[in-house]
Amino acid sequence: MTFIKEVFVKKFLIVVLAVLFTAALLPQSGAASVGFKGGLDLSKFSLTGTDIPTGLVNLKAPMGGVFFGLNFGLFTIQPEILYVRIGARMEGGADWMEDRIETIQVPLLLKLNLIPGPISPMVFGGPYGAYRLSAKAVSSVGGVSSSEDIKDQTTSTDYGVVFGGGIDFKLVAIKLSAEVRYNLGLANLAKDPEPGVSIKNRTLMFLVGLGF
């Protein structure tokens, strides 16, 4: 079942990347835009069927990437390619440990433009797929730092849904945006887990964007 899910996610990523690449080659018009976005993500695992460690807090990391938007008035179709670090952090006094999973995430969003105009509130949602680049457990205990590769303990793909909202600011030649979004992971990131054990991605993101 894990193999089937990973194949599905990889096909989803290929399709969305193909859409994004094709769209980027189309002649730009007032209805189309490309741009960059970046910001901060706060990530924490949702754990079931296992003891929840004490001192579990959000893992903070920078993130960002590119997007393409095709505007149809009240709504916009917006595929993206983002670098995102997910994971969790545990703290105990001066000691800490972080599970860091570096991913390329590809959301496919439907954005609703609530009040079209130069300042436009918007809400959005859609599915995402992600491919793992690396996975490490990094710690500092008693002043001694260490790092361990945990690829063999995690799946190579993640998937879930994205939802959020924000504001678009349309200027003469560019468009600025500010948004908050939440990633609700549906995949079990634990590789070959025991029955009832799951580790799922939960990530809050704060982003600003620049579109053309």
N, C-alpha and C. Protein backbone atom coordinates (compact mmCIF):
# COMPACT_ATOMS: atom_id res chain seq x y z
N MET A 1 0.82 -1.21 0.00
CA MET A 1 0.00 0.00 0.00
C MET A 1 0.86 1.26 0.00
N THR A 2 1.94 1.26 0.79
CA THR A 2 2.85 2.41 0.81
C THR A 2 3.43 2.65 -0.58
N PHE A 3 3.81 1.57 -1.28
CA PHE A 3 4.38 1.70 -2.62
C PHE A 3 3.36 2.32 -3.57
N ILE A 4 2.09 1.90 -3.50
CA ILE A 4 1.05 2.45 -4.37
C ILE A 4 0.86 3.93 -4.10
N LYS A 5 0.85 4.33 -2.82
CA LYS A 5 0.69 5.74 -2.48
C LYS A 5 1.84 6.57 -3.01
N GLU A 6 3.07 6.06 -2.90
CA GLU A 6 4.23 6.81 -3.37
C GLU A 6 4.20 6.95 -4.89
N VAL A 7 3.76 5.93 -5.60
CA VAL A 7 3.64 6.02 -7.05
C VAL A 7 2.60 7.08 -7.42
N PHE A 8 1.47 7.09 -6.71
CA PHE A 8 0.42 8.08 -6.97
C PHE A 8 0.94 9.49 -6.75
N VAL A 9 1.65 9.71 -5.64
CA VAL A 9 2.17 11.05 -5.35
C VAL A 9 3.17 11.48 -6.41
N LYS A 10 4.04 10.56 -6.83
CA LYS A 10 5.04 10.91 -7.85
C LYS A 10 4.35 11.28 -9.16
N LYS A 11 3.29 10.56 -9.54
CA LYS A 11 2.56 10.91 -10.76
C LYS A 11 1.87 12.26 -10.62
N PHE A 12 1.32 12.54 -9.43
CA PHE A 12 0.70 13.85 -9.19
C PHE A 12 1.73 14.96 -9.35
N LEU A 13 2.92 14.77 -8.79
CA LEU A 13 3.98 15.77 -8.91
C LEU A 13 4.37 16.00 -10.36
N ILE A 14 4.49 14.92 -11.12
CA ILE A 14 4.87 15.05 -12.53
C ILE A 14 3.82 15.82 -13.31
N VAL A 15 2.54 15.53 -13.06
CA VAL A 15 1.46 16.21 -13.77
C VAL A 15 1.45 17.70 -13.46
N VAL A 16 1.55 18.05 -12.16
CA VAL A 16 1.50 19.45 -11.78
C VAL A 16 2.73 20.19 -12.29
N LEU A 17 3.90 19.56 -12.23
CA LEU A 17 5.11 20.18 -12.76
C LEU A 17 5.00 20.42 -14.26
N ALA A 18 4.39 19.46 -14.97
CA ALA A 18 4.19 19.63 -16.41
C ALA A 18 3.25 20.79 -16.70
N VAL A 19 2.18 20.92 -15.89
CA VAL A 19 1.25 22.03 -16.06
C VAL A 19 1.96 23.36 -15.81
N LEU A 20 2.76 23.41 -14.74
CA LEU A 20 3.48 24.63 -14.40
C LEU A 20 4.47 25.01 -15.49
N PHE A 21 5.21 24.03 -16.00
CA PHE A 21 6.20 24.29 -17.04
C PHE A 21 5.53 24.77 -18.32
N THR A 22 4.44 24.10 -18.71
CA THR A 22 3.73 24.48 -19.93
C THR A 22 3.14 25.88 -19.80
N ALA A 23 2.55 26.16 -18.63
CA ALA A 23 1.95 27.47 -18.41
C ALA A 23 2.99 28.57 -18.44
N ALA A 24 4.18 28.29 -17.93
CA ALA A 24 5.23 29.30 -17.91
C ALA A 24 5.70 29.67 -19.32
N LEU A 25 5.50 28.75 -20.27
CA LEU A 25 5.92 29.01 -21.64
C LEU A 25 4.87 29.78 -22.45
N LEU A 26 3.65 29.87 -21.91
CA LEU A 26 2.59 30.57 -22.63
C LEU A 26 2.85 32.08 -22.61
N PRO A 27 2.40 32.78 -23.65
CA PRO A 27 2.54 34.24 -23.65
C PRO A 27 1.82 34.84 -22.45
N GLN A 28 2.48 35.77 -21.77
CA GLN A 28 1.89 36.38 -20.59
C GLN A 28 0.83 37.41 -21.01
N SER A 29 -0.21 37.50 -20.23
CA SER A 29 -1.27 38.47 -20.46
C SER A 29 -1.73 38.99 -19.11
N GLY A 30 -2.73 39.88 -19.14
CA GLY A 30 -3.26 40.40 -17.89
C GLY A 30 -3.87 39.33 -17.02
N ALA A 31 -4.25 38.18 -17.61
CA ALA A 31 -4.88 37.12 -16.85
C ALA A 31 -3.88 36.12 -16.29
N ALA A 32 -2.62 36.22 -16.70
CA ALA A 32 -1.61 35.26 -16.26
C ALA A 32 -0.51 35.98 -15.50
N SER A 33 0.07 35.26 -14.55
CA SER A 33 1.17 35.84 -13.77
C SER A 33 2.12 34.75 -13.34
N VAL A 34 3.37 35.11 -13.17
CA VAL A 34 4.38 34.23 -12.58
C VAL A 34 5.05 35.03 -11.48
N GLY A 35 5.70 34.34 -10.54
CA GLY A 35 6.34 35.07 -9.47
C GLY A 35 7.04 34.18 -8.48
N PHE A 36 7.48 34.81 -7.42
CA PHE A 36 8.21 34.15 -6.37
C PHE A 36 7.52 34.40 -5.04
N LYS A 37 7.68 33.47 -4.12
CA LYS A 37 7.16 33.67 -2.79
C LYS A 37 8.08 33.00 -1.78
N GLY A 38 8.07 33.52 -0.58
CA GLY A 38 8.92 32.95 0.46
C GLY A 38 8.43 33.38 1.81
N GLY A 39 8.98 32.74 2.85
CA GLY A 39 8.54 33.08 4.19
C GLY A 39 9.05 32.09 5.22
N LEU A 40 8.23 31.86 6.23
CA LEU A 40 8.59 31.04 7.37
C LEU A 40 7.55 29.95 7.57
N ASP A 41 8.01 28.73 7.87
CA ASP A 41 7.06 27.68 8.22
C ASP A 41 7.31 27.19 9.63
N LEU A 42 6.21 26.85 10.31
CA LEU A 42 6.24 26.28 11.66
C LEU A 42 5.66 24.89 11.56
N SER A 43 6.50 23.88 11.77
CA SER A 43 6.09 22.50 11.51
C SER A 43 6.13 21.68 12.79
N LYS A 44 5.14 20.77 12.91
CA LYS A 44 5.10 19.86 14.05
C LYS A 44 4.41 18.57 13.60
N PHE A 45 4.89 17.42 14.05
CA PHE A 45 4.27 16.15 13.70
C PHE A 45 3.00 15.93 14.51
N SER A 46 2.01 15.31 13.87
CA SER A 46 0.85 14.78 14.55
C SER A 46 1.11 13.28 14.76
N LEU A 47 1.17 12.85 16.01
CA LEU A 47 1.55 11.48 16.35
C LEU A 47 0.36 10.72 16.90
N THR A 48 0.18 9.50 16.45
CA THR A 48 -0.84 8.60 17.00
C THR A 48 -0.24 7.22 17.19
N GLY A 49 -0.73 6.51 18.19
CA GLY A 49 -0.29 5.14 18.43
C GLY A 49 1.10 5.04 19.00
N THR A 50 1.64 6.16 19.47
CA THR A 50 2.98 6.15 20.06
C THR A 50 3.04 7.21 21.15
N ASP A 51 3.97 7.08 22.06
CA ASP A 51 4.10 8.05 23.14
C ASP A 51 4.53 9.39 22.57
N ILE A 52 3.82 10.45 22.97
CA ILE A 52 4.17 11.79 22.51
C ILE A 52 5.27 12.32 23.41
N PRO A 53 6.43 12.65 22.84
CA PRO A 53 7.53 13.12 23.67
C PRO A 53 7.22 14.45 24.35
N THR A 54 7.76 14.65 25.53
CA THR A 54 7.59 15.94 26.21
C THR A 54 8.50 16.98 25.55
N GLY A 55 8.09 18.22 25.67
CA GLY A 55 8.89 19.30 25.11
C GLY A 55 8.80 19.42 23.61
N LEU A 56 7.74 18.88 23.00
CA LEU A 56 7.57 18.94 21.55
C LEU A 56 7.08 20.33 21.16
N VAL A 57 7.85 21.01 20.31
CA VAL A 57 7.50 22.38 19.88
C VAL A 57 7.62 22.46 18.36
N ASN A 58 7.22 23.61 17.81
CA ASN A 58 7.29 23.80 16.36
C ASN A 58 8.74 23.91 15.89
N LEU A 59 9.00 23.29 14.75
CA LEU A 59 10.27 23.46 14.05
C LEU A 59 10.13 24.65 13.11
N LYS A 60 10.99 25.65 13.27
CA LYS A 60 10.93 26.87 12.45
C LYS A 60 11.96 26.78 11.33
N ALA A 61 11.55 27.14 10.11
CA ALA A 61 12.48 27.06 8.98
C ALA A 61 12.04 28.00 7.87
N PRO A 62 12.97 28.55 7.10
CA PRO A 62 12.61 29.34 5.93
C PRO A 62 12.11 28.44 4.81
N MET A 63 11.27 28.97 3.94
CA MET A 63 10.76 28.22 2.80
C MET A 63 10.44 29.19 1.68
N GLY A 64 10.31 28.66 0.46
CA GLY A 64 9.97 29.53 -0.66
C GLY A 64 10.02 28.79 -1.98
N GLY A 65 9.66 29.51 -3.05
CA GLY A 65 9.66 28.91 -4.37
C GLY A 65 9.02 29.80 -5.40
N VAL A 66 8.44 29.18 -6.44
CA VAL A 66 7.86 29.91 -7.56
C VAL A 66 6.40 29.50 -7.74
N PHE A 67 5.64 30.35 -8.42
CA PHE A 67 4.24 30.04 -8.70
C PHE A 67 3.86 30.57 -10.07
N PHE A 68 2.78 30.00 -10.60
CA PHE A 68 2.16 30.50 -11.83
C PHE A 68 0.67 30.63 -11.57
N GLY A 69 0.09 31.77 -11.95
CA GLY A 69 -1.34 31.99 -11.74
C GLY A 69 -2.06 32.26 -13.04
N LEU A 70 -3.21 31.64 -13.21
CA LEU A 70 -4.07 31.90 -14.37
C LEU A 70 -5.41 32.39 -13.85
N ASN A 71 -5.67 33.69 -14.07
CA ASN A 71 -6.81 34.35 -13.46
C ASN A 71 -8.04 34.29 -14.35
N PHE A 72 -9.18 33.92 -13.74
CA PHE A 72 -10.46 33.86 -14.45
C PHE A 72 -11.48 34.79 -13.81
N GLY A 73 -11.01 35.89 -13.22
CA GLY A 73 -11.92 36.84 -12.61
C GLY A 73 -12.09 36.58 -11.13
N LEU A 74 -13.12 35.81 -10.79
CA LEU A 74 -13.38 35.52 -9.39
C LEU A 74 -12.46 34.45 -8.82
N PHE A 75 -11.82 33.66 -9.70
CA PHE A 75 -10.94 32.63 -9.16
C PHE A 75 -9.68 32.52 -10.02
N THR A 76 -8.65 31.96 -9.41
CA THR A 76 -7.35 31.77 -10.05
C THR A 76 -6.88 30.34 -9.80
N ILE A 77 -6.36 29.70 -10.85
CA ILE A 77 -5.72 28.40 -10.69
C ILE A 77 -4.22 28.65 -10.53
N GLN A 78 -3.64 28.11 -9.46
CA GLN A 78 -2.26 28.47 -9.13
C GLN A 78 -1.44 27.24 -8.70
N PRO A 79 -0.67 26.66 -9.62
CA PRO A 79 0.31 25.64 -9.22
C PRO A 79 1.58 26.30 -8.71
N GLU A 80 2.28 25.61 -7.81
CA GLU A 80 3.50 26.16 -7.20
C GLU A 80 4.56 25.07 -7.05
N ILE A 81 5.81 25.48 -6.96
CA ILE A 81 6.92 24.60 -6.60
C ILE A 81 7.64 25.25 -5.42
N LEU A 82 7.65 24.58 -4.27
CA LEU A 82 8.18 25.17 -3.05
C LEU A 82 9.20 24.24 -2.39
N TYR A 83 10.25 24.86 -1.85
CA TYR A 83 11.13 24.14 -0.93
C TYR A 83 10.57 24.31 0.47
N VAL A 84 10.31 23.19 1.16
CA VAL A 84 9.71 23.24 2.50
C VAL A 84 10.42 22.24 3.41
N ARG A 85 10.79 22.69 4.59
CA ARG A 85 11.31 21.77 5.61
C ARG A 85 10.18 21.45 6.58
N ILE A 86 9.88 20.16 6.76
CA ILE A 86 8.90 19.75 7.74
C ILE A 86 9.62 18.95 8.82
N GLY A 87 8.94 18.74 9.94
CA GLY A 87 9.56 17.98 11.02
C GLY A 87 9.02 18.39 12.36
N ALA A 88 9.87 18.31 13.38
CA ALA A 88 9.47 18.67 14.74
C ALA A 88 10.73 18.93 15.55
N ARG A 89 10.55 19.65 16.66
CA ARG A 89 11.66 19.97 17.55
C ARG A 89 11.26 19.61 18.97
N MET A 90 12.18 19.02 19.70
CA MET A 90 11.98 18.69 21.11
C MET A 90 13.02 19.43 21.94
N GLU A 91 12.57 20.07 23.01
CA GLU A 91 13.46 20.84 23.86
C GLU A 91 13.39 20.36 25.30
N GLY A 92 14.52 20.36 25.96
CA GLY A 92 14.60 20.04 27.38
C GLY A 92 15.74 20.81 27.99
N GLY A 93 15.44 21.97 28.59
CA GLY A 93 16.50 22.82 29.09
C GLY A 93 17.33 23.36 27.94
N ALA A 94 18.64 23.19 28.05
CA ALA A 94 19.53 23.65 26.97
C ALA A 94 19.67 22.61 25.86
N ASP A 95 19.16 21.41 26.08
CA ASP A 95 19.27 20.34 25.09
C ASP A 95 18.11 20.41 24.11
N TRP A 96 18.37 19.98 22.87
CA TRP A 96 17.30 19.96 21.88
C TRP A 96 17.60 18.90 20.81
N MET A 97 16.53 18.47 20.13
CA MET A 97 16.66 17.55 19.01
C MET A 97 15.62 17.92 17.96
N GLU A 98 16.02 17.86 16.69
CA GLU A 98 15.12 18.18 15.59
C GLU A 98 15.11 17.06 14.56
N ASP A 99 13.92 16.68 14.13
CA ASP A 99 13.77 15.84 12.95
C ASP A 99 13.52 16.79 11.77
N ARG A 100 14.43 16.79 10.80
CA ARG A 100 14.35 17.70 9.67
C ARG A 100 14.18 16.91 8.38
N ILE A 101 13.02 17.08 7.74
CA ILE A 101 12.76 16.44 6.45
C ILE A 101 12.65 17.54 5.40
N GLU A 102 13.64 17.59 4.52
CA GLU A 102 13.66 18.60 3.46
C GLU A 102 12.86 18.07 2.27
N THR A 103 11.92 18.86 1.77
CA THR A 103 11.05 18.40 0.69
C THR A 103 10.91 19.44 -0.41
N ILE A 104 10.58 18.95 -1.60
CA ILE A 104 10.05 19.79 -2.67
C ILE A 104 8.55 19.55 -2.70
N GLN A 105 7.80 20.61 -2.42
CA GLN A 105 6.34 20.49 -2.33
C GLN A 105 5.70 21.17 -3.54
N VAL A 106 4.68 20.51 -4.08
CA VAL A 106 3.98 21.03 -5.27
C VAL A 106 2.48 21.11 -4.98
N PRO A 107 2.00 22.29 -4.54
CA PRO A 107 0.56 22.47 -4.36
C PRO A 107 -0.12 22.83 -5.68
N LEU A 108 -1.37 22.48 -5.79
CA LEU A 108 -2.22 22.92 -6.90
C LEU A 108 -3.43 23.59 -6.28
N LEU A 109 -3.44 24.92 -6.31
CA LEU A 109 -4.41 25.69 -5.53
C LEU A 109 -5.50 26.29 -6.41
N LEU A 110 -6.70 26.36 -5.85
CA LEU A 110 -7.80 27.14 -6.42
C LEU A 110 -7.99 28.34 -5.50
N LYS A 111 -7.73 29.54 -6.02
CA LYS A 111 -7.78 30.76 -5.21
C LYS A 111 -9.02 31.56 -5.59
N LEU A 112 -9.82 31.93 -4.61
CA LEU A 112 -11.02 32.73 -4.82
C LEU A 112 -10.72 34.18 -4.48
N ASN A 113 -10.90 35.07 -5.44
CA ASN A 113 -10.68 36.49 -5.25
C ASN A 113 -11.99 37.12 -4.76
N LEU A 114 -12.05 37.41 -3.46
CA LEU A 114 -13.32 37.78 -2.85
C LEU A 114 -13.80 39.15 -3.29
N ILE A 115 -12.89 40.11 -3.41
CA ILE A 115 -13.26 41.46 -3.84
C ILE A 115 -12.25 41.89 -4.89
N PRO A 116 -12.50 41.64 -6.18
CA PRO A 116 -11.54 42.05 -7.21
C PRO A 116 -11.27 43.54 -7.16
N GLY A 117 -9.99 43.90 -7.32
CA GLY A 117 -9.59 45.30 -7.28
C GLY A 117 -8.13 45.42 -6.93
N PRO A 118 -7.64 46.64 -6.70
CA PRO A 118 -6.22 46.82 -6.37
C PRO A 118 -5.82 46.19 -5.05
N ILE A 119 -6.75 46.13 -4.10
CA ILE A 119 -6.51 45.41 -2.84
C ILE A 119 -7.58 44.34 -2.74
N SER A 120 -7.16 43.08 -2.88
CA SER A 120 -8.12 41.98 -3.03
C SER A 120 -7.90 40.90 -1.99
N PRO A 121 -8.81 40.77 -1.01
CA PRO A 121 -8.74 39.62 -0.10
C PRO A 121 -8.99 38.33 -0.88
N MET A 122 -8.36 37.25 -0.44
CA MET A 122 -8.55 35.97 -1.14
C MET A 122 -8.44 34.81 -0.15
N VAL A 123 -9.10 33.72 -0.51
CA VAL A 123 -8.96 32.45 0.20
C VAL A 123 -8.60 31.39 -0.84
N PHE A 124 -7.98 30.31 -0.40
CA PHE A 124 -7.55 29.29 -1.35
C PHE A 124 -7.47 27.93 -0.68
N GLY A 125 -7.42 26.92 -1.51
CA GLY A 125 -7.27 25.56 -1.02
C GLY A 125 -6.97 24.62 -2.18
N GLY A 126 -6.51 23.44 -1.84
CA GLY A 126 -6.21 22.44 -2.86
C GLY A 126 -5.28 21.36 -2.34
N PRO A 127 -4.98 20.38 -3.18
CA PRO A 127 -4.10 19.29 -2.76
C PRO A 127 -2.63 19.66 -2.92
N TYR A 128 -1.78 18.93 -2.24
CA TYR A 128 -0.34 19.06 -2.47
C TYR A 128 0.30 17.68 -2.46
N GLY A 129 1.39 17.55 -3.19
CA GLY A 129 2.25 16.39 -3.13
C GLY A 129 3.66 16.87 -2.83
N ALA A 130 4.46 16.03 -2.20
CA ALA A 130 5.82 16.45 -1.85
C ALA A 130 6.77 15.26 -1.97
N TYR A 131 7.99 15.57 -2.36
CA TYR A 131 9.03 14.54 -2.50
C TYR A 131 10.18 14.86 -1.55
N ARG A 132 10.60 13.88 -0.78
CA ARG A 132 11.67 14.06 0.20
C ARG A 132 13.03 14.18 -0.47
N LEU A 133 13.78 15.20 -0.07
CA LEU A 133 15.16 15.36 -0.52
C LEU A 133 16.14 14.75 0.46
N SER A 134 15.90 14.96 1.75
CA SER A 134 16.76 14.40 2.79
C SER A 134 15.97 14.32 4.08
N ALA A 135 16.47 13.53 5.01
CA ALA A 135 15.84 13.41 6.33
C ALA A 135 16.94 13.16 7.36
N LYS A 136 17.01 14.04 8.36
CA LYS A 136 18.05 13.92 9.37
C LYS A 136 17.48 14.20 10.76
N ALA A 137 18.07 13.55 11.76
CA ALA A 137 17.83 13.88 13.16
C ALA A 137 19.06 14.61 13.67
N VAL A 138 18.87 15.87 14.02
CA VAL A 138 19.98 16.72 14.47
C VAL A 138 19.75 17.06 15.93
N SER A 139 20.79 16.99 16.76
CA SER A 139 20.61 17.23 18.18
C SER A 139 21.81 17.92 18.79
N SER A 140 21.56 18.53 19.95
CA SER A 140 22.60 19.11 20.79
C SER A 140 22.29 18.72 22.22
N VAL A 141 23.07 17.82 22.78
CA VAL A 141 22.85 17.30 24.14
C VAL A 141 24.13 17.50 24.94
N GLY A 142 24.00 18.24 26.03
CA GLY A 142 25.18 18.50 26.85
C GLY A 142 26.25 19.26 26.12
N GLY A 143 25.85 20.07 25.14
CA GLY A 143 26.81 20.83 24.37
C GLY A 143 27.47 20.07 23.24
N VAL A 144 27.09 18.79 23.07
CA VAL A 144 27.66 17.96 22.01
C VAL A 144 26.64 17.84 20.88
N SER A 145 27.03 18.24 19.68
CA SER A 145 26.13 18.20 18.52
C SER A 145 26.31 16.90 17.76
N SER A 146 25.20 16.40 17.18
CA SER A 146 25.26 15.18 16.37
C SER A 146 24.21 15.25 15.28
N SER A 147 24.41 14.44 14.24
CA SER A 147 23.47 14.37 13.13
C SER A 147 23.39 12.93 12.64
N GLU A 148 22.16 12.46 12.40
CA GLU A 148 21.94 11.08 11.96
C GLU A 148 20.99 11.07 10.77
N ASP A 149 21.34 10.32 9.75
CA ASP A 149 20.46 10.17 8.59
C ASP A 149 19.31 9.24 8.96
N ILE A 150 18.06 9.69 8.72
CA ILE A 150 16.89 8.87 9.06
C ILE A 150 16.03 8.61 7.82
N LYS A 151 16.66 8.61 6.64
CA LYS A 151 15.91 8.32 5.42
C LYS A 151 15.25 6.95 5.47
N ASP A 152 15.94 5.98 6.07
CA ASP A 152 15.40 4.62 6.11
C ASP A 152 14.22 4.49 7.06
N GLN A 153 13.91 5.56 7.83
CA GLN A 153 12.79 5.53 8.76
C GLN A 153 11.58 6.32 8.26
N THR A 154 11.74 7.01 7.11
CA THR A 154 10.67 7.87 6.61
C THR A 154 10.34 7.53 5.16
N THR A 155 9.12 7.83 4.76
CA THR A 155 8.70 7.61 3.38
C THR A 155 9.29 8.70 2.49
N SER A 156 9.39 8.41 1.21
CA SER A 156 9.99 9.36 0.28
C SER A 156 8.99 10.40 -0.23
N THR A 157 7.69 10.22 0.06
CA THR A 157 6.68 11.16 -0.42
C THR A 157 5.72 11.55 0.70
N ASP A 158 5.08 12.68 0.51
CA ASP A 158 4.04 13.17 1.41
C ASP A 158 2.92 13.73 0.54
N TYR A 159 1.72 13.77 1.06
CA TYR A 159 0.61 14.40 0.35
C TYR A 159 -0.42 14.86 1.37
N GLY A 160 -1.27 15.78 0.95
CA GLY A 160 -2.29 16.29 1.85
C GLY A 160 -3.05 17.43 1.20
N VAL A 161 -3.61 18.29 2.03
CA VAL A 161 -4.38 19.44 1.54
C VAL A 161 -3.81 20.72 2.14
N VAL A 162 -3.97 21.81 1.38
CA VAL A 162 -3.53 23.14 1.78
C VAL A 162 -4.75 24.05 1.80
N PHE A 163 -4.85 24.91 2.82
CA PHE A 163 -5.90 25.92 2.81
C PHE A 163 -5.41 27.15 3.56
N GLY A 164 -5.95 28.31 3.19
CA GLY A 164 -5.52 29.54 3.83
C GLY A 164 -6.15 30.75 3.20
N GLY A 165 -5.56 31.91 3.47
CA GLY A 165 -6.08 33.16 2.94
C GLY A 165 -5.05 34.27 3.03
N GLY A 166 -5.38 35.41 2.46
CA GLY A 166 -4.46 36.53 2.49
C GLY A 166 -4.99 37.70 1.69
N ILE A 167 -4.08 38.57 1.26
CA ILE A 167 -4.44 39.77 0.52
C ILE A 167 -3.47 39.95 -0.65
N ASP A 168 -4.01 40.28 -1.81
CA ASP A 168 -3.22 40.66 -2.98
C ASP A 168 -3.24 42.18 -3.12
N PHE A 169 -2.05 42.75 -3.41
CA PHE A 169 -1.94 44.19 -3.66
C PHE A 169 -1.47 44.37 -5.10
N LYS A 170 -2.33 44.89 -5.96
CA LYS A 170 -2.01 45.04 -7.37
C LYS A 170 -1.49 46.45 -7.63
N LEU A 171 -0.21 46.54 -8.05
CA LEU A 171 0.41 47.80 -8.40
C LEU A 171 0.49 47.93 -9.91
N VAL A 172 1.21 48.90 -10.42
CA VAL A 172 1.23 49.17 -11.86
C VAL A 172 1.76 47.98 -12.65
N ALA A 173 2.94 47.46 -12.27
CA ALA A 173 3.56 46.38 -13.06
C ALA A 173 3.78 45.11 -12.27
N ILE A 174 3.51 45.14 -10.97
CA ILE A 174 3.73 43.96 -10.14
C ILE A 174 2.54 43.73 -9.22
N LYS A 175 2.53 42.56 -8.61
CA LYS A 175 1.50 42.25 -7.62
C LYS A 175 2.18 41.69 -6.39
N LEU A 176 1.89 42.27 -5.23
CA LEU A 176 2.42 41.80 -3.96
C LEU A 176 1.33 41.02 -3.24
N SER A 177 1.74 40.07 -2.44
CA SER A 177 0.75 39.29 -1.68
C SER A 177 1.31 38.95 -0.31
N ALA A 178 0.38 38.79 0.63
CA ALA A 178 0.71 38.31 1.96
C ALA A 178 -0.33 37.26 2.33
N GLU A 179 0.11 36.12 2.84
CA GLU A 179 -0.84 35.04 3.10
C GLU A 179 -0.40 34.17 4.27
N VAL A 180 -1.38 33.49 4.81
CA VAL A 180 -1.17 32.47 5.83
C VAL A 180 -1.82 31.19 5.33
N ARG A 181 -1.11 30.08 5.42
CA ARG A 181 -1.67 28.81 4.97
C ARG A 181 -1.33 27.68 5.94
N TYR A 182 -2.13 26.63 5.86
CA TYR A 182 -1.93 25.48 6.73
C TYR A 182 -1.87 24.22 5.88
N ASN A 183 -0.86 23.40 6.12
CA ASN A 183 -0.72 22.12 5.43
C ASN A 183 -1.21 21.01 6.36
N LEU A 184 -2.22 20.29 5.92
CA LEU A 184 -2.75 19.15 6.66
C LEU A 184 -2.30 17.88 5.95
N GLY A 185 -1.22 17.27 6.45
CA GLY A 185 -0.69 16.07 5.82
C GLY A 185 -1.58 14.87 6.06
N LEU A 186 -1.78 14.08 5.01
CA LEU A 186 -2.62 12.87 5.11
C LEU A 186 -1.79 11.60 5.04
N ALA A 187 -0.53 11.71 4.65
CA ALA A 187 0.32 10.53 4.51
C ALA A 187 0.98 10.18 5.84
N ASN A 188 1.15 8.88 6.09
CA ASN A 188 1.93 8.43 7.23
C ASN A 188 3.40 8.48 6.83
N LEU A 189 4.17 9.35 7.47
CA LEU A 189 5.57 9.54 7.11
C LEU A 189 6.48 8.45 7.68
N ALA A 190 5.96 7.64 8.57
CA ALA A 190 6.76 6.55 9.14
C ALA A 190 6.84 5.39 8.14
N LYS A 191 8.03 4.93 7.88
CA LYS A 191 8.23 3.82 6.95
C LYS A 191 8.07 2.50 7.69
N ASP A 192 7.23 1.61 7.15
CA ASP A 192 6.96 0.30 7.77
C ASP A 192 6.56 0.45 9.23
N PRO A 193 5.52 1.25 9.52
CA PRO A 193 5.13 1.48 10.92
C PRO A 193 4.45 0.26 11.53
N GLU A 194 4.47 0.19 12.84
CA GLU A 194 3.69 -0.82 13.55
C GLU A 194 2.21 -0.47 13.44
N PRO A 195 1.31 -1.45 13.57
CA PRO A 195 -0.13 -1.17 13.45
C PRO A 195 -0.57 -0.06 14.40
N GLY A 196 -1.31 0.90 13.85
CA GLY A 196 -1.84 1.99 14.65
C GLY A 196 -0.90 3.15 14.86
N VAL A 197 0.34 3.04 14.38
CA VAL A 197 1.32 4.12 14.56
C VAL A 197 1.35 5.00 13.32
N SER A 198 1.24 6.31 13.49
CA SER A 198 1.33 7.23 12.35
C SER A 198 2.02 8.51 12.76
N ILE A 199 2.73 9.09 11.80
CA ILE A 199 3.39 10.39 11.94
C ILE A 199 2.98 11.22 10.73
N LYS A 200 2.27 12.32 10.97
CA LYS A 200 1.75 13.12 9.87
C LYS A 200 2.18 14.58 9.98
N ASN A 201 2.31 15.20 8.82
CA ASN A 201 2.79 16.57 8.72
C ASN A 201 1.70 17.57 9.09
N ARG A 202 2.05 18.52 9.94
CA ARG A 202 1.19 19.66 10.26
C ARG A 202 2.07 20.91 10.20
N THR A 203 1.81 21.79 9.23
CA THR A 203 2.70 22.93 9.02
C THR A 203 1.90 24.21 8.79
N LEU A 204 2.23 25.24 9.55
CA LEU A 204 1.67 26.58 9.39
C LEU A 204 2.70 27.43 8.66
N MET A 205 2.27 28.16 7.62
CA MET A 205 3.19 28.95 6.81
C MET A 205 2.75 30.41 6.73
N PHE A 206 3.76 31.29 6.78
CA PHE A 206 3.55 32.72 6.59
C PHE A 206 4.38 33.13 5.37
N LEU A 207 3.71 33.66 4.33
CA LEU A 207 4.37 33.89 3.05
C LEU A 207 4.11 35.30 2.53
N VAL A 208 5.11 35.83 1.82
CA VAL A 208 4.92 37.04 1.02
C VAL A 208 5.32 36.69 -0.41
N GLY A 209 4.67 37.31 -1.37
CA GLY A 209 4.92 36.98 -2.76
C GLY A 209 5.10 38.21 -3.64
N LEU A 210 5.80 38.01 -4.74
CA LEU A 210 6.01 39.03 -5.76
C LEU A 210 5.67 38.43 -7.11
N GLY A 211 4.63 38.97 -7.77
CA GLY A 211 4.20 38.44 -9.05
C GLY A 211 4.35 39.46 -10.15
N PHE A 212 4.42 38.95 -11.41
CA PHE A 212 4.60 39.80 -12.58
C PHE A 212 3.52 39.49 -13.62
